[in-house]
């Protein structure tokens, strides 16, 4: 069984949490929080992809 990369796992969970929070903000009809959580979700996702790309380029 492979070892779990916990920092990347936690980053992925954070991205999922941001999009879930955006859904909750939609339910509360608060456009500012919807915008904030969607932007944060994409920012964290881009950060994770850049880390993954840097890690794969080093090998």
N, C-alpha and C. Protein backbone atom coordinates (compact mmCIF):
# COMPACT_ATOMS: atom_id res chain seq x y z
N UNK A 1 0.84 -1.18 0.00
CA UNK A 1 0.00 0.00 0.00
C UNK A 1 0.88 1.24 0.00
N UNK A 2 0.50 2.22 -0.78
CA UNK A 2 1.30 3.44 -0.89
C UNK A 2 1.09 4.33 0.32
N UNK A 3 2.11 5.13 0.59
CA UNK A 3 1.99 6.10 1.67
C UNK A 3 1.15 7.28 1.21
N UNK A 4 0.41 7.86 2.13
CA UNK A 4 -0.44 9.01 1.82
C UNK A 4 0.36 10.28 2.01
N UNK A 5 0.29 11.17 1.04
CA UNK A 5 0.95 12.47 1.12
C UNK A 5 0.00 13.42 1.85
N UNK A 6 0.17 13.54 3.17
CA UNK A 6 -0.79 14.28 3.98
C UNK A 6 -0.87 15.78 3.66
N UNK A 7 0.25 16.48 3.37
CA UNK A 7 0.08 17.91 3.03
C UNK A 7 -0.76 18.12 1.76
N UNK A 8 -0.55 17.30 0.74
CA UNK A 8 -1.36 17.44 -0.47
C UNK A 8 -2.80 16.99 -0.23
N UNK A 9 -2.98 15.99 0.63
CA UNK A 9 -4.32 15.54 0.97
C UNK A 9 -5.09 16.65 1.68
N UNK A 10 -4.42 17.32 2.61
CA UNK A 10 -5.08 18.40 3.34
C UNK A 10 -5.38 19.59 2.42
N UNK A 11 -4.50 19.85 1.46
CA UNK A 11 -4.75 20.92 0.50
C UNK A 11 -5.96 20.57 -0.37
N UNK A 12 -6.07 19.33 -0.78
CA UNK A 12 -7.22 18.89 -1.57
C UNK A 12 -8.51 19.00 -0.76
N UNK A 13 -8.44 18.64 0.52
CA UNK A 13 -9.62 18.77 1.37
C UNK A 13 -10.01 20.24 1.55
N UNK A 14 -9.00 21.13 1.62
CA UNK A 14 -9.27 22.56 1.74
C UNK A 14 -9.97 23.09 0.49
N UNK A 15 -9.56 22.62 -0.68
CA UNK A 15 -10.21 23.03 -1.93
C UNK A 15 -11.66 22.57 -1.93
N UNK A 16 -11.90 21.34 -1.54
CA UNK A 16 -13.26 20.82 -1.48
C UNK A 16 -14.09 21.61 -0.48
N UNK A 17 -13.50 21.94 0.66
CA UNK A 17 -14.20 22.72 1.67
C UNK A 17 -14.58 24.11 1.15
N UNK A 18 -13.72 24.72 0.35
CA UNK A 18 -14.02 26.05 -0.21
C UNK A 18 -15.23 25.97 -1.14
N UNK A 19 -15.30 24.92 -1.96
CA UNK A 19 -16.44 24.81 -2.88
C UNK A 19 -17.71 24.42 -2.14
N UNK A 20 -17.61 23.66 -1.08
CA UNK A 20 -18.77 23.36 -0.25
C UNK A 20 -19.26 24.64 0.43
N UNK A 21 -18.32 25.45 0.91
CA UNK A 21 -18.68 26.72 1.54
C UNK A 21 -19.34 27.65 0.53
N UNK A 22 -18.91 27.59 -0.72
CA UNK A 22 -19.56 28.38 -1.76
C UNK A 22 -21.01 27.93 -1.94
N UNK A 23 -21.24 26.63 -1.86
CA UNK A 23 -22.61 26.12 -1.93
C UNK A 23 -23.46 26.58 -0.77
N UNK A 24 -22.87 26.60 0.41
CA UNK A 24 -23.61 27.10 1.58
C UNK A 24 -23.90 28.58 1.42
N UNK A 25 -22.93 29.33 0.89
CA UNK A 25 -23.14 30.76 0.67
C UNK A 25 -24.24 31.00 -0.37
N UNK A 26 -24.32 30.13 -1.37
CA UNK A 26 -25.42 30.23 -2.34
C UNK A 26 -26.75 30.01 -1.63
N UNK A 27 -26.79 29.05 -0.73
CA UNK A 27 -28.03 28.78 0.01
C UNK A 27 -28.44 29.98 0.87
N UNK A 28 -27.46 30.69 1.41
CA UNK A 28 -27.74 31.88 2.21
C UNK A 28 -27.90 33.13 1.36
N UNK A 29 -27.73 33.00 0.05
CA UNK A 29 -27.89 34.09 -0.92
C UNK A 29 -26.99 35.28 -0.61
N UNK A 30 -25.73 34.97 -0.31
CA UNK A 30 -24.75 36.00 -0.04
C UNK A 30 -23.70 35.97 -1.14
N UNK A 31 -23.83 36.92 -2.09
CA UNK A 31 -22.98 36.90 -3.28
C UNK A 31 -21.53 37.16 -2.95
N UNK A 32 -21.26 37.92 -1.89
CA UNK A 32 -19.87 38.22 -1.53
C UNK A 32 -19.14 36.98 -1.05
N UNK A 33 -19.79 36.17 -0.23
CA UNK A 33 -19.16 34.94 0.23
C UNK A 33 -19.05 33.91 -0.89
N UNK A 34 -20.04 33.89 -1.78
CA UNK A 34 -19.96 32.98 -2.94
C UNK A 34 -18.72 33.31 -3.76
N UNK A 35 -18.55 34.58 -4.06
CA UNK A 35 -17.39 35.02 -4.84
C UNK A 35 -16.09 34.72 -4.11
N UNK A 36 -16.05 35.02 -2.82
CA UNK A 36 -14.84 34.79 -2.03
C UNK A 36 -14.45 33.33 -2.01
N UNK A 37 -15.41 32.44 -1.71
CA UNK A 37 -15.09 31.02 -1.59
C UNK A 37 -14.74 30.40 -2.94
N UNK A 38 -15.37 30.84 -4.02
CA UNK A 38 -15.02 30.31 -5.33
C UNK A 38 -13.61 30.75 -5.72
N UNK A 39 -13.29 32.02 -5.48
CA UNK A 39 -11.94 32.49 -5.79
C UNK A 39 -10.89 31.79 -4.93
N UNK A 40 -11.17 31.60 -3.64
CA UNK A 40 -10.24 30.88 -2.78
C UNK A 40 -10.08 29.43 -3.22
N UNK A 41 -11.17 28.79 -3.64
CA UNK A 41 -11.10 27.41 -4.11
C UNK A 41 -10.20 27.28 -5.33
N UNK A 42 -10.37 28.19 -6.30
CA UNK A 42 -9.52 28.14 -7.48
C UNK A 42 -8.07 28.51 -7.16
N UNK A 43 -7.88 29.44 -6.22
CA UNK A 43 -6.51 29.82 -5.84
C UNK A 43 -5.79 28.66 -5.18
N UNK A 44 -6.46 27.98 -4.24
CA UNK A 44 -5.84 26.82 -3.59
C UNK A 44 -5.60 25.69 -4.58
N UNK A 45 -6.52 25.51 -5.53
CA UNK A 45 -6.33 24.46 -6.53
C UNK A 45 -5.13 24.77 -7.41
N UNK A 46 -5.00 26.02 -7.83
CA UNK A 46 -3.85 26.42 -8.64
C UNK A 46 -2.55 26.26 -7.88
N UNK A 47 -2.57 26.58 -6.59
CA UNK A 47 -1.38 26.41 -5.76
C UNK A 47 -0.99 24.94 -5.68
N UNK A 48 -1.96 24.07 -5.50
CA UNK A 48 -1.68 22.63 -5.44
C UNK A 48 -1.15 22.09 -6.76
N UNK A 49 -1.71 22.57 -7.87
CA UNK A 49 -1.22 22.13 -9.18
C UNK A 49 0.19 22.62 -9.44
N UNK A 50 0.50 23.83 -8.99
CA UNK A 50 1.87 24.33 -9.19
C UNK A 50 2.87 23.54 -8.35
N UNK A 51 2.49 23.16 -7.14
CA UNK A 51 3.36 22.31 -6.31
C UNK A 51 3.58 20.96 -6.99
N UNK A 52 2.51 20.38 -7.51
CA UNK A 52 2.62 19.08 -8.18
C UNK A 52 3.51 19.17 -9.41
N UNK A 53 3.37 20.25 -10.18
CA UNK A 53 4.20 20.42 -11.38
C UNK A 53 5.67 20.59 -11.01
N UNK A 54 5.94 21.40 -9.97
CA UNK A 54 7.33 21.57 -9.53
C UNK A 54 7.92 20.26 -9.05
N UNK A 55 7.11 19.48 -8.35
CA UNK A 55 7.59 18.19 -7.82
C UNK A 55 7.87 17.21 -8.95
N UNK A 56 7.03 17.20 -9.99
CA UNK A 56 7.24 16.26 -11.09
C UNK A 56 8.39 16.71 -12.00
N UNK A 57 8.66 18.02 -12.09
CA UNK A 57 9.77 18.51 -12.90
C UNK A 57 11.13 18.20 -12.28
N UNK A 58 11.16 18.04 -10.96
CA UNK A 58 12.43 17.81 -10.29
C UNK A 58 12.93 16.38 -10.47
N UNK A 59 12.04 15.45 -10.92
CA UNK A 59 12.48 14.07 -11.09
C UNK A 59 13.02 13.82 -12.45
